[in-house]
């Protein structure tokens, strides 16, 4: 290999390192802005309010749980459910640093579809960026459980990332937005409103559709 080739490889490596570092810095800024205020504003816009009891289904490390806990305030509470126990530990560490005491973690086993909450006890459910992990039958069972735990008229807010026209992936890759809406409407919900909003996905700002359903 020539000296020129070695020099070019070093240039590419330096460039990639700079781009990687730049990407992480942008992500850190986005997450900080989101957790400090932008996330609260987003959730207020979609209908979360002070005093609500909310379930964040598939909460991960809490990028929606944390701002939701701030919005509902001490008068409300957030149930945060996920299969990834390490992410939930991280979420609770963040909650502790922010002085949030209204988040209740619920660890779900990988094979479970039942939600361990009382019937008609929840004001709103966030189902954000999780549907692509579920096969058709599992999604139907989850919709049934959400229907059970929601109060009449309760809110089901869905972010159907990774459908056919939005970075398609896994079990949503062949479904369009209208098909997602139809699937959920068929489970005794009705679409109340569709938003196209700036929100956080994998630590970066992203534009996406939010679908707000109500329990019939």
N, C-alpha and C. Protein backbone atom coordinates (compact mmCIF):
# COMPACT_ATOMS: atom_id res chain seq x y z
N UNK A 1 0.85 -1.20 0.00
CA UNK A 1 0.00 0.00 0.00
C UNK A 1 0.88 1.24 0.00
N UNK A 2 0.56 2.20 -0.85
CA UNK A 2 1.39 3.39 -0.99
C UNK A 2 1.16 4.36 0.16
N UNK A 3 2.09 5.30 0.30
CA UNK A 3 1.97 6.36 1.30
C UNK A 3 0.72 7.19 1.05
N UNK A 4 0.41 7.41 -0.25
CA UNK A 4 -0.79 8.19 -0.62
C UNK A 4 -2.05 7.48 -0.13
N UNK A 5 -2.08 6.14 -0.34
CA UNK A 5 -3.25 5.36 0.10
C UNK A 5 -3.41 5.42 1.61
N UNK A 6 -2.29 5.28 2.33
CA UNK A 6 -2.35 5.36 3.79
C UNK A 6 -2.83 6.72 4.26
N UNK A 7 -2.36 7.76 3.59
CA UNK A 7 -2.77 9.11 3.93
C UNK A 7 -4.26 9.30 3.72
N UNK A 8 -4.78 8.73 2.60
CA UNK A 8 -6.21 8.86 2.30
C UNK A 8 -7.06 8.12 3.32
N UNK A 9 -6.60 6.94 3.74
CA UNK A 9 -7.32 6.18 4.75
C UNK A 9 -7.39 6.96 6.06
N UNK A 10 -6.28 7.59 6.44
CA UNK A 10 -6.26 8.38 7.67
C UNK A 10 -7.23 9.56 7.58
N UNK A 11 -7.27 10.22 6.39
CA UNK A 11 -8.20 11.34 6.20
C UNK A 11 -9.64 10.88 6.37
N UNK A 12 -9.98 9.73 5.78
CA UNK A 12 -11.34 9.20 5.87
C UNK A 12 -11.68 8.86 7.33
N UNK A 13 -10.71 8.25 8.03
CA UNK A 13 -10.94 7.87 9.42
C UNK A 13 -11.19 9.10 10.29
N UNK A 14 -10.41 10.15 10.08
CA UNK A 14 -10.59 11.39 10.84
C UNK A 14 -11.95 12.00 10.54
N UNK A 15 -12.33 12.01 9.25
CA UNK A 15 -13.64 12.57 8.85
C UNK A 15 -14.79 11.80 9.50
N UNK A 16 -14.69 10.47 9.48
CA UNK A 16 -15.76 9.65 10.06
C UNK A 16 -15.86 9.86 11.56
N UNK A 17 -14.72 10.01 12.22
CA UNK A 17 -14.72 10.25 13.66
C UNK A 17 -15.36 11.59 13.97
N UNK A 18 -15.05 12.61 13.15
CA UNK A 18 -15.65 13.93 13.36
C UNK A 18 -17.16 13.89 13.15
N UNK A 19 -17.60 13.18 12.09
CA UNK A 19 -19.04 13.08 11.83
C UNK A 19 -19.74 12.32 12.94
N UNK A 20 -19.11 11.27 13.44
CA UNK A 20 -19.67 10.49 14.54
C UNK A 20 -19.81 11.35 15.80
N UNK A 21 -18.75 12.10 16.10
CA UNK A 21 -18.77 12.99 17.27
C UNK A 21 -19.83 14.07 17.11
N UNK A 22 -19.91 14.64 15.90
CA UNK A 22 -20.90 15.67 15.63
C UNK A 22 -22.31 15.12 15.82
N UNK A 23 -22.54 13.89 15.33
CA UNK A 23 -23.85 13.25 15.47
C UNK A 23 -24.24 13.06 16.91
N UNK A 24 -23.29 12.61 17.74
CA UNK A 24 -23.57 12.42 19.16
C UNK A 24 -23.87 13.74 19.86
N UNK A 25 -23.14 14.80 19.47
CA UNK A 25 -23.38 16.11 20.08
C UNK A 25 -24.77 16.62 19.74
N UNK A 26 -25.19 16.45 18.48
CA UNK A 26 -26.53 16.87 18.07
C UNK A 26 -27.58 16.08 18.85
N UNK A 27 -27.35 14.76 18.98
CA UNK A 27 -28.29 13.92 19.72
C UNK A 27 -28.41 14.37 21.17
N UNK A 28 -27.27 14.65 21.80
CA UNK A 28 -27.29 15.10 23.19
C UNK A 28 -28.06 16.40 23.35
N UNK A 29 -27.87 17.32 22.40
CA UNK A 29 -28.58 18.61 22.44
C UNK A 29 -30.08 18.39 22.28
N UNK A 30 -30.46 17.55 21.31
CA UNK A 30 -31.88 17.27 21.07
C UNK A 30 -32.54 16.66 22.30
N UNK A 31 -31.88 15.67 22.91
CA UNK A 31 -32.44 15.00 24.08
C UNK A 31 -32.57 15.99 25.24
N UNK A 32 -31.55 16.82 25.44
CA UNK A 32 -31.59 17.80 26.52
C UNK A 32 -32.74 18.78 26.34
N UNK A 33 -32.91 19.30 25.12
CA UNK A 33 -34.01 20.22 24.83
C UNK A 33 -35.35 19.53 25.07
N UNK A 34 -35.44 18.30 24.61
CA UNK A 34 -36.69 17.55 24.72
C UNK A 34 -37.08 17.33 26.19
N UNK A 35 -36.11 16.89 26.99
CA UNK A 35 -36.40 16.60 28.39
C UNK A 35 -36.62 17.86 29.22
N UNK A 36 -36.03 18.97 28.79
CA UNK A 36 -36.18 20.22 29.54
C UNK A 36 -37.50 20.93 29.29
N UNK A 37 -38.00 20.86 28.04
CA UNK A 37 -39.26 21.56 27.77
C UNK A 37 -40.00 21.05 26.54
N UNK A 38 -39.29 20.75 25.46
CA UNK A 38 -39.96 20.43 24.20
C UNK A 38 -40.89 19.21 24.33
N UNK A 39 -40.47 18.22 25.09
CA UNK A 39 -41.29 17.03 25.28
C UNK A 39 -42.60 17.34 25.99
N UNK A 40 -42.53 18.21 26.99
CA UNK A 40 -43.75 18.61 27.70
C UNK A 40 -44.72 19.33 26.77
N UNK A 41 -44.20 20.24 25.98
CA UNK A 41 -45.04 20.98 25.04
C UNK A 41 -45.70 20.04 24.04
N UNK A 42 -44.95 19.07 23.55
CA UNK A 42 -45.48 18.09 22.61
C UNK A 42 -46.63 17.31 23.24
N UNK A 43 -46.42 16.80 24.45
CA UNK A 43 -47.43 15.98 25.10
C UNK A 43 -48.67 16.78 25.48
N UNK A 44 -48.48 18.03 25.86
CA UNK A 44 -49.63 18.90 26.12
C UNK A 44 -50.44 19.10 24.84
N UNK A 45 -49.76 19.27 23.72
CA UNK A 45 -50.43 19.46 22.43
C UNK A 45 -51.29 18.25 22.05
N UNK A 46 -50.80 17.04 22.38
CA UNK A 46 -51.58 15.86 21.99
C UNK A 46 -52.67 15.50 22.99
N UNK A 47 -52.71 16.21 24.13
CA UNK A 47 -53.83 16.03 25.03
C UNK A 47 -53.54 15.52 26.42
N UNK A 48 -52.27 15.33 26.79
CA UNK A 48 -51.93 14.94 28.15
C UNK A 48 -52.04 16.17 29.04
N UNK A 49 -52.64 15.99 30.22
CA UNK A 49 -52.87 17.15 31.09
C UNK A 49 -52.60 16.82 32.56
N UNK A 50 -52.53 17.86 33.34
CA UNK A 50 -52.28 17.73 34.77
C UNK A 50 -53.31 16.82 35.42
N UNK A 51 -52.83 15.91 36.26
CA UNK A 51 -53.71 15.00 36.97
C UNK A 51 -54.02 13.70 36.26
N UNK A 52 -53.60 13.57 35.00
CA UNK A 52 -53.86 12.34 34.24
C UNK A 52 -53.08 11.15 34.80
N UNK A 53 -53.67 9.98 34.64
CA UNK A 53 -52.96 8.72 34.89
C UNK A 53 -52.66 8.14 33.52
N UNK A 54 -51.36 7.99 33.21
CA UNK A 54 -50.91 7.66 31.86
C UNK A 54 -50.10 6.37 31.88
N UNK A 55 -50.27 5.56 30.84
CA UNK A 55 -49.40 4.40 30.62
C UNK A 55 -48.52 4.68 29.42
N UNK A 56 -47.20 4.61 29.61
CA UNK A 56 -46.24 4.69 28.50
C UNK A 56 -45.83 3.26 28.19
N UNK A 57 -46.43 2.70 27.13
CA UNK A 57 -46.23 1.29 26.79
C UNK A 57 -45.01 1.17 25.87
N UNK A 58 -44.00 0.43 26.32
CA UNK A 58 -42.74 0.36 25.59
C UNK A 58 -41.93 1.61 25.83
N UNK A 59 -41.77 1.95 27.10
CA UNK A 59 -41.22 3.26 27.51
C UNK A 59 -39.73 3.42 27.22
N UNK A 60 -38.99 2.29 27.07
CA UNK A 60 -37.55 2.41 26.89
C UNK A 60 -36.91 3.13 28.06
N UNK A 61 -35.98 4.06 27.76
CA UNK A 61 -35.33 4.78 28.85
C UNK A 61 -36.00 6.11 29.17
N UNK A 62 -37.25 6.27 28.70
CA UNK A 62 -38.10 7.33 29.25
C UNK A 62 -38.14 8.66 28.54
N UNK A 63 -37.86 8.71 27.25
CA UNK A 63 -37.86 10.00 26.55
C UNK A 63 -39.27 10.60 26.46
N UNK A 64 -40.30 9.78 26.64
CA UNK A 64 -41.66 10.29 26.74
C UNK A 64 -42.18 10.21 28.17
N UNK A 65 -41.70 9.23 28.92
CA UNK A 65 -42.13 9.07 30.31
C UNK A 65 -41.77 10.29 31.15
N UNK A 66 -40.53 10.77 31.03
CA UNK A 66 -40.05 11.87 31.85
C UNK A 66 -40.86 13.15 31.61
N UNK A 67 -41.02 13.61 30.36
CA UNK A 67 -41.84 14.81 30.16
C UNK A 67 -43.31 14.59 30.53
N UNK A 68 -43.82 13.37 30.33
CA UNK A 68 -45.21 13.10 30.71
C UNK A 68 -45.39 13.23 32.22
N UNK A 69 -44.40 12.76 32.98
CA UNK A 69 -44.46 12.87 34.44
C UNK A 69 -44.49 14.33 34.88
N UNK A 70 -43.79 15.18 34.16
CA UNK A 70 -43.81 16.61 34.47
C UNK A 70 -45.17 17.22 34.16
N UNK A 71 -45.75 16.82 33.03
CA UNK A 71 -47.05 17.38 32.62
C UNK A 71 -48.16 17.00 33.59
N UNK A 72 -48.24 15.72 33.97
CA UNK A 72 -49.33 15.30 34.86
C UNK A 72 -49.12 15.79 36.28
N UNK A 73 -47.88 16.14 36.62
CA UNK A 73 -47.53 16.70 37.92
C UNK A 73 -47.79 15.70 39.04
N UNK A 74 -47.68 16.15 40.27
CA UNK A 74 -47.83 15.24 41.41
C UNK A 74 -49.27 14.76 41.58
N UNK A 75 -50.20 15.47 40.93
CA UNK A 75 -51.60 15.04 40.98
C UNK A 75 -51.87 13.82 40.11
N UNK A 76 -50.99 13.53 39.17
CA UNK A 76 -51.15 12.38 38.27
C UNK A 76 -50.03 11.38 38.47
N UNK A 77 -50.00 10.37 37.61
CA UNK A 77 -48.91 9.41 37.68
C UNK A 77 -48.73 8.74 36.32
N UNK A 78 -47.52 8.21 36.13
CA UNK A 78 -47.16 7.54 34.89
C UNK A 78 -46.77 6.11 35.19
N UNK A 79 -47.43 5.17 34.54
CA UNK A 79 -46.98 3.78 34.56
C UNK A 79 -46.08 3.59 33.34
N UNK A 80 -44.88 3.10 33.57
CA UNK A 80 -43.90 2.91 32.50
C UNK A 80 -43.63 1.43 32.36
N UNK A 81 -43.98 0.87 31.20
CA UNK A 81 -43.84 -0.57 31.02
C UNK A 81 -42.90 -0.88 29.85
N UNK A 82 -42.00 -1.84 30.08
CA UNK A 82 -41.07 -2.25 29.03
C UNK A 82 -40.52 -3.63 29.37
N UNK A 83 -40.04 -4.33 28.33
CA UNK A 83 -39.42 -5.64 28.52
C UNK A 83 -37.93 -5.54 28.85
N UNK A 84 -37.34 -4.39 28.53
CA UNK A 84 -35.90 -4.19 28.73
C UNK A 84 -35.64 -3.62 30.12
N UNK A 85 -35.23 -4.46 31.02
CA UNK A 85 -35.05 -4.06 32.42
C UNK A 85 -33.94 -3.02 32.57
N UNK A 86 -32.88 -3.11 31.75
CA UNK A 86 -31.79 -2.13 31.84
C UNK A 86 -32.27 -0.73 31.46
N UNK A 87 -33.09 -0.64 30.42
CA UNK A 87 -33.64 0.66 30.03
C UNK A 87 -34.50 1.23 31.14
N UNK A 88 -35.25 0.37 31.81
CA UNK A 88 -36.12 0.85 32.89
C UNK A 88 -35.31 1.33 34.09
N UNK A 89 -34.19 0.67 34.36
CA UNK A 89 -33.30 1.14 35.43
C UNK A 89 -32.76 2.53 35.07
N UNK A 90 -32.37 2.71 33.82
CA UNK A 90 -31.88 4.01 33.37
C UNK A 90 -32.96 5.08 33.52
N UNK A 91 -34.19 4.74 33.13
CA UNK A 91 -35.32 5.66 33.26
C UNK A 91 -35.50 6.10 34.71
N UNK A 92 -35.46 5.16 35.63
CA UNK A 92 -35.70 5.51 37.03
C UNK A 92 -34.54 6.32 37.61
N UNK A 93 -33.33 6.10 37.10
CA UNK A 93 -32.20 6.93 37.53
C UNK A 93 -32.39 8.38 37.08
N UNK A 94 -32.84 8.56 35.83
CA UNK A 94 -33.11 9.91 35.32
C UNK A 94 -34.22 10.56 36.13
N UNK A 95 -35.28 9.79 36.42
CA UNK A 95 -36.40 10.32 37.20
C UNK A 95 -35.93 10.79 38.58
N UNK A 96 -35.03 10.01 39.18
CA UNK A 96 -34.51 10.37 40.50
C UNK A 96 -33.73 11.67 40.46
N UNK A 97 -32.90 11.84 39.42
CA UNK A 97 -32.10 13.08 39.32
C UNK A 97 -32.99 14.30 39.10
N UNK A 98 -34.17 14.09 38.52
CA UNK A 98 -35.09 15.20 38.25
C UNK A 98 -36.15 15.36 39.33
N UNK A 99 -36.06 14.55 40.37
CA UNK A 99 -36.97 14.68 41.48
C UNK A 99 -38.39 14.24 41.17
N UNK A 100 -38.55 13.34 40.21
CA UNK A 100 -39.89 12.87 39.82
C UNK A 100 -40.24 11.61 40.60
N UNK A 101 -41.33 11.68 41.36
CA UNK A 101 -41.73 10.56 42.20
C UNK A 101 -43.06 9.95 41.76
N UNK A 102 -43.53 10.35 40.58
CA UNK A 102 -44.85 9.88 40.13
C UNK A 102 -44.75 8.88 38.96
N UNK A 103 -43.59 8.22 38.83
CA UNK A 103 -43.39 7.21 37.79
C UNK A 103 -43.35 5.83 38.44
N UNK A 104 -44.20 4.93 37.96
CA UNK A 104 -44.26 3.58 38.50
C UNK A 104 -43.81 2.60 37.42
N UNK A 105 -42.64 1.96 37.59
CA UNK A 105 -42.14 1.03 36.56
C UNK A 105 -42.85 -0.32 36.63
N UNK A 106 -43.15 -0.86 35.45
CA UNK A 106 -43.75 -2.19 35.34
C UNK A 106 -42.93 -3.00 34.33
N UNK A 107 -42.27 -4.02 34.80
CA UNK A 107 -41.46 -4.84 33.90
C UNK A 107 -42.32 -5.91 33.27
N UNK A 108 -42.36 -5.94 31.93
CA UNK A 108 -43.15 -6.94 31.21
C UNK A 108 -42.25 -8.07 30.75
N UNK A 109 -42.69 -9.30 30.94
CA UNK A 109 -41.96 -10.45 30.42
C UNK A 109 -42.19 -10.53 28.92
N UNK A 110 -41.23 -11.07 28.20
CA UNK A 110 -41.25 -11.05 26.74
C UNK A 110 -42.47 -11.73 26.14
N UNK A 111 -43.00 -12.75 26.82
CA UNK A 111 -44.14 -13.49 26.26
C UNK A 111 -45.49 -12.93 26.69
N UNK A 112 -45.49 -11.93 27.56
CA UNK A 112 -46.73 -11.41 28.11
C UNK A 112 -47.38 -10.37 27.19
N UNK A 113 -48.72 -10.45 27.09
CA UNK A 113 -49.48 -9.38 26.44
C UNK A 113 -50.47 -8.75 27.42
N UNK A 114 -50.66 -9.37 28.57
CA UNK A 114 -51.56 -8.80 29.57
C UNK A 114 -50.86 -7.66 30.30
N UNK A 115 -51.61 -6.57 30.50
CA UNK A 115 -51.09 -5.41 31.21
C UNK A 115 -51.60 -5.46 32.63
N UNK A 116 -50.72 -5.44 33.60
CA UNK A 116 -51.09 -5.64 35.00
C UNK A 116 -51.61 -4.34 35.63
N UNK A 117 -52.73 -3.86 35.08
CA UNK A 117 -53.40 -2.68 35.61
C UNK A 117 -54.91 -2.94 35.66
N UNK A 118 -55.60 -2.25 36.56
CA UNK A 118 -57.04 -2.46 36.71
C UNK A 118 -57.80 -1.93 35.49
N UNK A 119 -58.95 -2.52 35.24
CA UNK A 119 -59.81 -2.08 34.14
C UNK A 119 -60.29 -0.65 34.38
N UNK A 120 -60.35 0.11 33.29
CA UNK A 120 -60.86 1.49 33.29
C UNK A 120 -60.18 2.36 34.36
N UNK A 121 -58.84 2.23 34.45
CA UNK A 121 -58.08 2.98 35.46
C UNK A 121 -57.15 4.03 34.84
N UNK A 122 -57.08 4.08 33.50
CA UNK A 122 -56.07 4.90 32.83
C UNK A 122 -56.74 5.96 31.94
N UNK A 123 -56.20 7.18 32.01
CA UNK A 123 -56.72 8.28 31.19
C UNK A 123 -56.14 8.28 29.78
N UNK A 124 -54.87 7.89 29.66
CA UNK A 124 -54.21 7.96 28.35
C UNK A 124 -53.12 6.91 28.25
N UNK A 125 -52.94 6.36 27.05
CA UNK A 125 -51.88 5.41 26.76
C UNK A 125 -51.04 5.95 25.61
N UNK A 126 -49.72 5.94 25.80
CA UNK A 126 -48.78 6.28 24.74
C UNK A 126 -48.25 4.99 24.14
N UNK A 127 -48.46 4.82 22.83
CA UNK A 127 -47.99 3.64 22.12
C UNK A 127 -47.08 4.14 21.00
N UNK A 128 -45.85 4.50 21.40
CA UNK A 128 -44.94 5.23 20.51
C UNK A 128 -43.77 4.35 20.06
N UNK A 129 -43.67 4.20 18.74
CA UNK A 129 -42.52 3.53 18.13
C UNK A 129 -42.34 2.11 18.65
N UNK A 130 -43.45 1.38 18.80
CA UNK A 130 -43.35 0.00 19.29
C UNK A 130 -44.11 -1.00 18.42
N UNK A 131 -45.05 -0.55 17.60
CA UNK A 131 -45.90 -1.47 16.86
C UNK A 131 -45.12 -2.37 15.91
N UNK A 132 -44.01 -1.86 15.39
CA UNK A 132 -43.23 -2.65 14.43
C UNK A 132 -42.58 -3.87 15.07
N UNK A 133 -42.51 -3.90 16.39
CA UNK A 133 -41.96 -5.07 17.08
C UNK A 133 -42.98 -6.22 17.17
N UNK A 134 -44.26 -5.91 16.96
CA UNK A 134 -45.33 -6.87 17.24
C UNK A 134 -45.92 -7.45 15.96
N UNK A 135 -46.13 -8.76 15.97
CA UNK A 135 -46.87 -9.39 14.89
C UNK A 135 -48.36 -9.07 15.03
N UNK A 136 -49.12 -9.37 13.99
CA UNK A 136 -50.52 -8.98 13.93
C UNK A 136 -51.32 -9.43 15.15
N UNK A 137 -51.19 -10.69 15.54
CA UNK A 137 -51.96 -11.21 16.67
C UNK A 137 -51.58 -10.53 17.97
N UNK A 138 -50.29 -10.27 18.17
CA UNK A 138 -49.85 -9.59 19.39
C UNK A 138 -50.39 -8.17 19.44
N UNK A 139 -50.40 -7.47 18.30
CA UNK A 139 -50.96 -6.12 18.27
C UNK A 139 -52.44 -6.13 18.67
N UNK A 140 -53.19 -7.08 18.16
CA UNK A 140 -54.61 -7.16 18.49
C UNK A 140 -54.82 -7.39 19.99
N UNK A 141 -54.00 -8.26 20.56
CA UNK A 141 -54.12 -8.52 22.00
C UNK A 141 -53.77 -7.28 22.82
N UNK A 142 -52.76 -6.53 22.37
CA UNK A 142 -52.39 -5.30 23.07
C UNK A 142 -53.50 -4.26 22.97
N UNK A 143 -54.10 -4.12 21.78
CA UNK A 143 -55.23 -3.19 21.64
C UNK A 143 -56.36 -3.57 22.59
N UNK A 144 -56.62 -4.87 22.71
CA UNK A 144 -57.68 -5.33 23.62
C UNK A 144 -57.37 -4.98 25.06
N UNK A 145 -56.11 -5.16 25.46
CA UNK A 145 -55.70 -4.82 26.83
C UNK A 145 -55.78 -3.31 27.07
N UNK A 146 -55.36 -2.54 26.09
CA UNK A 146 -55.44 -1.08 26.22
C UNK A 146 -56.89 -0.65 26.33
N UNK A 147 -57.75 -1.26 25.53
CA UNK A 147 -59.18 -0.95 25.61
C UNK A 147 -59.70 -1.24 27.02
N UNK A 148 -59.28 -2.36 27.59
CA UNK A 148 -59.74 -2.76 28.92
C UNK A 148 -59.33 -1.77 29.99
N UNK A 149 -58.07 -1.31 29.97
CA UNK A 149 -57.58 -0.47 31.06
C UNK A 149 -57.95 1.00 30.90
N UNK A 150 -58.28 1.44 29.67
CA UNK A 150 -58.65 2.84 29.46
C UNK A 150 -60.04 3.13 29.99
N UNK A 151 -60.20 4.32 30.53
CA UNK A 151 -61.53 4.80 30.88
C UNK A 151 -62.32 5.08 29.60
N UNK A 152 -63.64 5.06 29.69
CA UNK A 152 -64.45 5.40 28.53
C UNK A 152 -64.10 6.79 28.03
N UNK A 153 -63.83 6.91 26.74
CA UNK A 153 -63.39 8.20 26.19
C UNK A 153 -61.91 8.46 26.36
N UNK A 154 -61.19 7.49 26.96
CA UNK A 154 -59.76 7.65 27.20
C UNK A 154 -58.97 7.75 25.90
N UNK A 155 -57.76 8.30 26.01
CA UNK A 155 -56.91 8.58 24.86
C UNK A 155 -55.91 7.46 24.61
N UNK A 156 -55.85 7.00 23.36
CA UNK A 156 -54.77 6.14 22.89
C UNK A 156 -54.02 6.92 21.83
N UNK A 157 -52.79 7.31 22.14
CA UNK A 157 -51.97 8.10 21.22
C UNK A 157 -50.87 7.20 20.65
N UNK A 158 -50.82 7.12 19.30
CA UNK A 158 -49.96 6.16 18.62
C UNK A 158 -48.98 6.88 17.69
N UNK A 159 -47.71 6.50 17.78
CA UNK A 159 -46.69 6.95 16.83
C UNK A 159 -46.26 5.72 16.04
N UNK A 160 -46.81 5.52 14.83
CA UNK A 160 -46.54 4.30 14.06
C UNK A 160 -45.28 4.40 13.20
N UNK A 161 -44.16 4.62 13.83
CA UNK A 161 -42.89 4.69 13.11
C UNK A 161 -42.57 3.34 12.46
N UNK A 162 -41.87 3.40 11.34
CA UNK A 162 -41.41 2.22 10.60
C UNK A 162 -42.52 1.52 9.81
N UNK A 163 -43.58 2.28 9.48
CA UNK A 163 -44.55 1.75 8.53
C UNK A 163 -43.98 1.88 7.12
N UNK A 164 -44.77 1.52 6.12
CA UNK A 164 -44.29 1.37 4.76
C UNK A 164 -43.60 2.61 4.19
N UNK A 165 -44.09 3.81 4.51
CA UNK A 165 -43.52 5.04 3.94
C UNK A 165 -42.67 5.82 4.93
N UNK A 166 -42.29 5.19 6.05
CA UNK A 166 -41.52 5.91 7.08
C UNK A 166 -40.46 4.97 7.66
N UNK A 167 -39.34 4.83 6.93
CA UNK A 167 -38.26 3.93 7.34
C UNK A 167 -38.80 2.54 7.69
N UNK A 168 -39.41 1.84 6.69
CA UNK A 168 -40.09 0.57 6.94
C UNK A 168 -39.21 -0.47 7.63
N UNK A 169 -39.81 -1.15 8.60
CA UNK A 169 -39.05 -2.12 9.38
C UNK A 169 -39.99 -3.17 9.96
N UNK A 170 -39.61 -4.41 9.85
CA UNK A 170 -40.25 -5.54 10.51
C UNK A 170 -41.76 -5.60 10.27
N UNK A 171 -42.55 -5.65 11.34
CA UNK A 171 -43.97 -5.99 11.21
C UNK A 171 -44.86 -4.85 10.71
N UNK A 172 -44.33 -3.65 10.54
CA UNK A 172 -45.13 -2.57 9.95
C UNK A 172 -44.67 -2.24 8.54
N UNK A 173 -43.67 -2.94 8.04
CA UNK A 173 -43.02 -2.55 6.79
C UNK A 173 -43.94 -2.58 5.58
N UNK A 174 -45.01 -3.35 5.64
CA UNK A 174 -45.93 -3.43 4.51
C UNK A 174 -47.27 -2.75 4.79
N UNK A 175 -47.34 -1.95 5.86
CA UNK A 175 -48.58 -1.29 6.23
C UNK A 175 -48.48 0.22 6.01
N UNK A 176 -49.49 0.79 5.36
CA UNK A 176 -49.57 2.22 5.20
C UNK A 176 -50.27 2.85 6.39
N UNK A 177 -50.26 4.18 6.46
CA UNK A 177 -50.87 4.88 7.59
C UNK A 177 -52.36 4.56 7.70
N UNK A 178 -53.07 4.54 6.59
CA UNK A 178 -54.50 4.25 6.61
C UNK A 178 -54.78 2.83 7.10
N UNK A 179 -53.88 1.91 6.78
CA UNK A 179 -54.05 0.53 7.25
C UNK A 179 -53.85 0.44 8.76
N UNK A 180 -52.89 1.19 9.30
CA UNK A 180 -52.70 1.23 10.76
C UNK A 180 -53.95 1.80 11.43
N UNK A 181 -54.47 2.88 10.86
CA UNK A 181 -55.69 3.50 11.41
C UNK A 181 -56.85 2.51 11.38
N UNK A 182 -57.02 1.83 10.25
CA UNK A 182 -58.11 0.86 10.13
C UNK A 182 -57.98 -0.27 11.12
N UNK A 183 -56.77 -0.74 11.34
CA UNK A 183 -56.54 -1.83 12.29
C UNK A 183 -56.96 -1.44 13.70
N UNK A 184 -56.59 -0.23 14.11
CA UNK A 184 -56.91 0.21 15.47
C UNK A 184 -58.39 0.56 15.60
N UNK A 185 -58.97 1.18 14.57
CA UNK A 185 -60.40 1.47 14.59
C UNK A 185 -61.23 0.19 14.76
N UNK A 186 -60.74 -0.92 14.20
CA UNK A 186 -61.47 -2.18 14.26
C UNK A 186 -61.48 -2.80 15.65
N UNK A 187 -60.68 -2.24 16.57
CA UNK A 187 -60.60 -2.75 17.94
C UNK A 187 -61.38 -1.88 18.91
N UNK A 188 -62.44 -1.24 18.45
CA UNK A 188 -63.37 -0.45 19.27
C UNK A 188 -62.80 0.90 19.70
N UNK A 189 -61.95 1.46 18.86
CA UNK A 189 -61.48 2.83 19.02
C UNK A 189 -61.96 3.63 17.81
N UNK A 190 -61.87 4.95 17.92
CA UNK A 190 -62.12 5.78 16.74
C UNK A 190 -61.05 6.86 16.66
N UNK A 191 -60.62 7.17 15.45
CA UNK A 191 -59.59 8.19 15.26
C UNK A 191 -60.19 9.56 15.53
N UNK A 192 -59.61 10.26 16.51
CA UNK A 192 -60.07 11.60 16.84
C UNK A 192 -59.33 12.67 16.07
N UNK A 193 -58.00 12.49 15.97
CA UNK A 193 -57.19 13.52 15.32
C UNK A 193 -55.87 12.93 14.85
N UNK A 194 -55.37 13.48 13.75
CA UNK A 194 -54.07 13.08 13.21
C UNK A 194 -53.17 14.30 13.19
N UNK A 195 -51.98 14.17 13.77
CA UNK A 195 -51.00 15.27 13.85
C UNK A 195 -49.79 14.92 12.99
N UNK A 196 -49.14 15.94 12.46
CA UNK A 196 -47.82 15.76 11.86
C UNK A 196 -46.90 16.69 12.64
N UNK A 197 -46.06 16.11 13.51
CA UNK A 197 -45.35 16.88 14.52
C UNK A 197 -43.85 16.58 14.52
N UNK A 198 -43.11 17.52 15.09
CA UNK A 198 -41.70 17.28 15.41
C UNK A 198 -41.65 16.55 16.75
N UNK A 199 -40.95 15.43 16.78
CA UNK A 199 -40.84 14.66 18.00
C UNK A 199 -39.49 13.95 18.02
N UNK A 200 -39.22 13.29 19.13
CA UNK A 200 -37.91 12.65 19.29
C UNK A 200 -38.01 11.17 18.91
N UNK A 201 -37.04 10.73 18.09
CA UNK A 201 -36.95 9.31 17.73
C UNK A 201 -35.49 8.90 17.78
N UNK A 202 -35.19 7.92 18.62
CA UNK A 202 -33.80 7.45 18.79
C UNK A 202 -32.83 8.58 19.10
N UNK A 203 -33.29 9.53 19.90
CA UNK A 203 -32.41 10.60 20.36
C UNK A 203 -32.27 11.78 19.43
N UNK A 204 -32.95 11.76 18.28
CA UNK A 204 -32.88 12.88 17.33
C UNK A 204 -34.27 13.37 16.98
N UNK A 205 -34.37 14.65 16.66
CA UNK A 205 -35.66 15.19 16.21
C UNK A 205 -36.04 14.60 14.86
N UNK A 206 -37.33 14.39 14.70
CA UNK A 206 -37.87 13.71 13.55
C UNK A 206 -39.28 14.22 13.33
N UNK A 207 -39.73 14.31 12.09
CA UNK A 207 -41.13 14.64 11.81
C UNK A 207 -41.90 13.33 11.64
N UNK A 208 -43.06 13.26 12.26
CA UNK A 208 -43.83 12.03 12.16
C UNK A 208 -45.30 12.24 12.45
N UNK A 209 -46.10 11.26 12.04
CA UNK A 209 -47.54 11.30 12.29
C UNK A 209 -47.85 10.72 13.67
N UNK A 210 -48.69 11.44 14.40
CA UNK A 210 -49.24 10.98 15.66
C UNK A 210 -50.73 10.78 15.46
N UNK A 211 -51.21 9.61 15.84
CA UNK A 211 -52.63 9.26 15.69
C UNK A 211 -53.28 9.20 17.06
N UNK A 212 -54.26 10.07 17.29
CA UNK A 212 -54.98 10.07 18.56
C UNK A 212 -56.33 9.39 18.39
N UNK A 213 -56.50 8.30 19.13
CA UNK A 213 -57.75 7.55 19.14
C UNK A 213 -58.45 7.73 20.49
N UNK A 214 -59.74 7.53 20.47
CA UNK A 214 -60.52 7.52 21.71
C UNK A 214 -61.24 6.19 21.86
N UNK A 215 -61.36 5.76 23.10
CA UNK A 215 -62.11 4.54 23.39
C UNK A 215 -63.60 4.82 23.25
N UNK A 216 -64.27 3.98 22.50
CA UNK A 216 -65.71 4.15 22.33
C UNK A 216 -66.44 3.81 23.61
